Amino acid sequence: MPRMTASVLKVVAALLAAGGAERYGLQLMQATGLPSGTLYPILVRLERAGWVESRWEETDPAAEGRPARRYYLLTAEGATSARREVAAMRQQMSGAPVLGESPA
């Protein structure tokens, strides 16, 4: 499982908010406010962990007038794990005990 930092949580939350739709890097940068130098290493780690899958769009960059985009999508495992991690973080931030933990 990838280490859950605030930046990783932003990325998985943005992918969850996409509702199963693919997102490309610029969309994720805009949704999270993260720079490319932070976003792309997180996406690589999430992909290695099996949480995200990616693909290059099949297009002719010259015809489109822009580089080909790489699209990212949460896997079924990634979506389940991401929902759990985002919920746990929300509970921690609200001060509520996390499921399975006893209150201090």
C-alpha atoms as a PDB file:
ATOM      1  CA  MET A   1       0.000   0.000   0.000  1.00  0.00           C
ATOM      2  CA  PRO A   2       1.351   3.450  -0.849  1.00  0.00           C
ATOM      3  CA  ARG A   3       2.166   5.801   2.009  1.00  0.00           C
ATOM      4  CA  MET A   4      -0.794   8.127   2.543  1.00  0.00           C
ATOM      5  CA  THR A   5       0.490  11.674   2.555  1.00  0.00           C
ATOM      6  CA  ALA A   6      -1.733  14.717   2.123  1.00  0.00           C
ATOM      7  CA  SER A   7      -0.668  14.916  -1.535  1.00  0.00           C
ATOM      8  CA  VAL A   8      -1.464  11.242  -2.196  1.00  0.00           C
ATOM      9  CA  LEU A   9      -4.864  11.706  -0.560  1.00  0.00           C
ATOM     10  CA  LYS A  10      -5.544  14.688  -2.837  1.00  0.00           C
ATOM     11  CA  VAL A  11      -4.754  12.570  -5.903  1.00  0.00           C
ATOM     12  CA  VAL A  12      -6.876   9.580  -4.887  1.00  0.00           C
ATOM     13  CA  ALA A  13      -9.738  11.889  -3.856  1.00  0.00           C
ATOM     14  CA  ALA A  14      -9.589  13.593  -7.279  1.00  0.00           C
ATOM     15  CA  LEU A  15      -9.650  10.212  -9.021  1.00  0.00           C
ATOM     16  CA  LEU A  16     -12.580   9.094  -6.847  1.00  0.00           C
ATOM     17  CA  ALA A  17     -14.426  12.323  -7.659  1.00  0.00           C
ATOM     18  CA  ALA A  18     -14.059  11.479 -11.356  1.00  0.00           C
ATOM     19  CA  GLY A  19     -16.636   8.738 -10.784  1.00  0.00           C
ATOM     20  CA  GLY A  20     -14.816   6.071 -12.751  1.00  0.00           C
ATOM     21  CA  ALA A  21     -13.885   8.362 -15.645  1.00  0.00           C
ATOM     22  CA  GLU A  22     -10.306   8.573 -16.857  1.00  0.00           C
ATOM     23  CA  ARG A  23      -8.374  11.741 -16.085  1.00  0.00           C
ATOM     24  CA  TYR A  24      -5.170  13.040 -17.630  1.00  0.00           C
ATOM     25  CA  GLY A  25      -2.347  14.785 -15.818  1.00  0.00           C
ATOM     26  CA  LEU A  26      -3.361  18.407 -16.396  1.00  0.00           C
ATOM     27  CA  GLN A  27      -6.885  17.688 -15.153  1.00  0.00           C
ATOM     28  CA  LEU A  28      -5.443  16.103 -12.021  1.00  0.00           C
ATOM     29  CA  MET A  29      -3.044  19.020 -11.469  1.00  0.00           C
ATOM     30  CA  GLN A  30      -5.970  21.442 -11.691  1.00  0.00           C
ATOM     31  CA  ALA A  31      -8.161  19.323  -9.384  1.00  0.00           C
ATOM     32  CA  THR A  32      -5.471  18.861  -6.729  1.00  0.00           C
ATOM     33  CA  GLY A  33      -3.432  22.046  -7.021  1.00  0.00           C
ATOM     34  CA  LEU A  34      -0.285  19.893  -7.155  1.00  0.00           C
ATOM     35  CA  PRO A  35       2.595  20.712  -9.520  1.00  0.00           C
ATOM     36  CA  SER A  36       3.635  18.136 -12.111  1.00  0.00           C
ATOM     37  CA  GLY A  37       6.818  17.314 -10.178  1.00  0.00           C
ATOM     38  CA  THR A  38       4.674  16.143  -7.263  1.00  0.00           C
ATOM     39  CA  LEU A  39       1.731  14.650  -9.170  1.00  0.00           C
ATOM     40  CA  TYR A  40       3.500  12.345 -11.621  1.00  0.00           C
ATOM     41  CA  PRO A  41       5.706  10.546  -9.064  1.00  0.00           C
ATOM     42  CA  ILE A  42       2.558   9.901  -6.992  1.00  0.00           C
ATOM     43  CA  LEU A  43       0.773   8.475 -10.028  1.00  0.00           C
ATOM     44  CA  VAL A  44       3.762   6.194 -10.712  1.00  0.00           C
ATOM     45  CA  ARG A  45       3.713   4.939  -7.100  1.00  0.00           C
ATOM     46  CA  LEU A  46      -0.046   4.373  -7.235  1.00  0.00           C
ATOM     47  CA  GLU A  47       0.314   2.475 -10.488  1.00  0.00           C
ATOM     48  CA  ARG A  48       3.094   0.277  -9.069  1.00  0.00           C
ATOM     49  CA  ALA A  49       0.878  -0.452  -6.048  1.00  0.00           C
ATOM     50  CA  GLY A  50      -1.931  -1.585  -8.362  1.00  0.00           C
ATOM     51  CA  TRP A  51      -4.257   1.264  -7.399  1.00  0.00           C
ATOM     52  CA  VAL A  52      -4.115   3.063 -10.766  1.00  0.00           C
ATOM     53  CA  GLU A  53      -3.827   1.974 -14.366  1.00  0.00           C
ATOM     54  CA  SER A  54      -2.808   4.257 -17.180  1.00  0.00           C
ATOM     55  CA  ARG A  55      -2.797   4.352 -20.949  1.00  0.00           C
ATOM     56  CA  TRP A  56      -1.634   6.689 -23.680  1.00  0.00           C
ATOM     57  CA  GLU A  57      -4.388   8.085 -25.858  1.00  0.00           C
ATOM     58  CA  GLU A  58      -4.321   6.933 -29.430  1.00  0.00           C
ATOM     59  CA  THR A  59      -4.061  10.143 -31.375  1.00  0.00           C
ATOM     60  CA  ASP A  60      -1.805  11.917 -33.801  1.00  0.00           C
ATOM     61  CA  PRO A  61      -0.170  14.771 -31.852  1.00  0.00           C
ATOM     62  CA  ALA A  62       0.402  16.737 -35.060  1.00  0.00           C
ATOM     63  CA  ALA A  63      -3.270  16.503 -36.009  1.00  0.00           C
ATOM     64  CA  GLU A  64      -4.394  17.420 -32.483  1.00  0.00           C
ATOM     65  CA  GLY A  65      -1.852  20.221 -32.153  1.00  0.00           C
ATOM     66  CA  ARG A  66      -0.782  18.933 -28.721  1.00  0.00           C
ATOM     67  CA  PRO A  67       1.132  16.025 -27.215  1.00  0.00           C
ATOM     68  CA  ALA A  68      -0.657  12.734 -26.614  1.00  0.00           C
ATOM     69  CA  ARG A  69      -2.236  12.508 -23.170  1.00  0.00           C
ATOM     70  CA  ARG A  70      -1.702   9.761 -20.623  1.00  0.00           C
ATOM     71  CA  TYR A  71      -4.968   8.833 -18.935  1.00  0.00           C
ATOM     72  CA  TYR A  72      -5.239   7.518 -15.367  1.00  0.00           C
ATOM     73  CA  LEU A  73      -8.011   5.462 -13.793  1.00  0.00           C
ATOM     74  CA  LEU A  74      -8.409   3.862 -10.371  1.00  0.00           C
ATOM     75  CA  THR A  75      -8.503   0.065 -10.461  1.00  0.00           C
ATOM     76  CA  ALA A  76     -11.273  -1.711  -8.530  1.00  0.00           C
ATOM     77  CA  GLU A  77      -8.767  -2.445  -5.758  1.00  0.00           C
ATOM     78  CA  GLY A  78      -7.495   1.135  -5.858  1.00  0.00           C
ATOM     79  CA  ALA A  79     -10.996   2.609  -5.640  1.00  0.00           C
ATOM     80  CA  THR A  80     -11.858   0.425  -2.635  1.00  0.00           C
ATOM     81  CA  SER A  81      -8.591   1.249  -0.872  1.00  0.00           C
ATOM     82  CA  ALA A  82      -8.829   4.944  -1.763  1.00  0.00           C
ATOM     83  CA  ARG A  83     -12.354   5.210  -0.351  1.00  0.00           C
ATOM     84  CA  ARG A  84     -11.191   3.565   2.878  1.00  0.00           C
ATOM     85  CA  GLU A  85      -8.140   5.866   3.202  1.00  0.00           C
ATOM     86  CA  VAL A  86     -10.088   9.049   2.422  1.00  0.00           C
ATOM     87  CA  ALA A  87     -12.793   8.062   4.953  1.00  0.00           C
ATOM     88  CA  ALA A  88     -10.151   7.319   7.598  1.00  0.00           C
ATOM     89  CA  MET A  89      -8.512  10.704   7.029  1.00  0.00           C
ATOM     90  CA  ARG A  90     -11.862  12.486   7.259  1.00  0.00           C
ATOM     91  CA  GLN A  91     -12.595  10.705  10.548  1.00  0.00           C
ATOM     92  CA  GLN A  92      -9.168  11.621  11.916  1.00  0.00           C
ATOM     93  CA  MET A  93      -9.644  15.246  10.951  1.00  0.00           C
ATOM     94  CA  SER A  94     -13.075  15.368  12.574  1.00  0.00           C
ATOM     95  CA  GLY A  95     -11.673  13.844  15.747  1.00  0.00           C
ATOM     96  CA  ALA A  96     -13.889  10.766  15.510  1.00  0.00           C
ATOM     97  CA  PRO A  97     -12.269   7.417  16.238  1.00  0.00           C
ATOM     98  CA  VAL A  98     -11.297   5.392  13.171  1.00  0.00           C
ATOM     99  CA  LEU A  99     -13.183   2.128  12.806  1.00  0.00           C
ATOM    100  CA  GLY A 100     -11.349  -0.561  14.754  1.00  0.00           C
ATOM    101  CA  GLU A 101      -9.485   1.881  17.000  1.00  0.00           C
ATOM    102  CA  SER A 102     -10.361   2.598  20.582  1.00  0.00           C
ATOM    103  CA  PRO A 103     -10.699   6.262  21.552  1.00  0.00           C
ATOM    104  CA  ALA A 104      -7.754   7.742  23.467  1.00  0.00           C
END
